């Protein structure tokens, strides 16, 4: 059922050799060359922001050396395949401080699947006998013992649900819809889990919290411990297999189930549909089943949105790769790629524009958004293994929020939330961080015109 890292690296060989070291992957901009940017703006780390082409690779910015930029990692992968280089701790220490944000892949004109290559490279490195860094070993040990990377007890995974009066949804026998909470929302950002469930409850959705839920495996796919990731994957597939649809509030969990599980399963697909909770809210706005209530506390507040890499760029790049694989005329289908990616990025923005219309917020985009969005710094095992680097990256993102004078920065990922929140405190950015659905619940903004039926919800993912 499972693949090794080296097998996955061999599958990606054509991609690896498509890299021509043009260095386009080093940069990003607003996505619109003529768009007026933020001008010169000094950030909290004395970094000067400006419009135009700017360095976009967090690892490259942090470390500076060629090997840490994406082109350097593609050279390492090529050398490994050619047997010109052996795996070692020195190689590990270059390929690990990468957030795998996918910015390099988004900028690549040759459509190289850089994130898949880096993750396969890490897996092959571990399989070659090179030990993971100590922090990643700790996280793996905790997960093997307790099925989560935070060291939380299994019996406390749904404590938040019991405390919030949501106990009836735990192992709800009649439900055809599940909610995969994820470890961060279960043990750390419980307000996001609670808010998501309360929104489901208000909408009349009969859902299930699956007691046998374990870590989705995302941290281990990222750092190369794919054997551990696959063990967790198999447990979750078994636990959720009888459901028709599974919702997520975590971008990483959603991406892992939707994109990673099929790549590492010989079956090539999961036995249920997957959907992020913000998709549901957005679709219900479009179908005019919900609106939002005015709110004096939020009226006039400048709100910006951070696109999580797992939920935004990684899903968009998957759309691109799927169309490329199916295409018989890529010149024509490139229009379809742009259209479908644009539609995906519109999903949270439909919610934010409706909040602007009904609640009275001012929705203001940062300079780099969507495919060109700068990372929060939390992913790829970097938050666990290189915390200072991770927070510095989050602070650079918050500089962009400060540059548009945002009062509130929203996102739809508990991990992004945690990193942006911590960097906001550490570097005194002075913004308020919210999950988008969390904000809707906390301020009681939901105005339901018509509750959706089960059939309507399932049809949203046809």
Foldseek 3Di string as FASTA:
>chain_A
DFDFLVVLLVVQVVLLVLDPPPCLLQWFFLVDQPDAALAWFQFLVRDTDHGDIDGFFLQCVVPVDPCLRLSNVSVVSVCVVVVVDDQEVVNLVRLQLGQLLCSSQLRDPSNRPSSSNSLSVLQVSVVSPYDDPPLVVQQLVLCVVALGSPNDHLVQQCVLCVVLVNVCQEPVPPAQEEEQEADCCRPPVVLLVSLLVVVCVVLVHRYHYQSQQGHCLLLCSLRNVVVSNVVNPVSVLVRNLRHAEYEYLALSSQLCQQPVVLVGDPVNHRNHHYYYSLLVVLVCVVVVQKAWAADPVQAAAEEEEAEASSQFVSVLSVLVVVCVVVDPDVVVCVVVSVVVSVVSQCSNVSVVVRCCVHHHHHYDYFGHHGSRGRHLQQHSCCCSPPVVSSLVSNSVNLSSVVSVPGQEYEYRHSRSQVSNVVSCVVSVSNHHYYHPSSVCRVRVTMDGNHRDDPVVVSVSRD
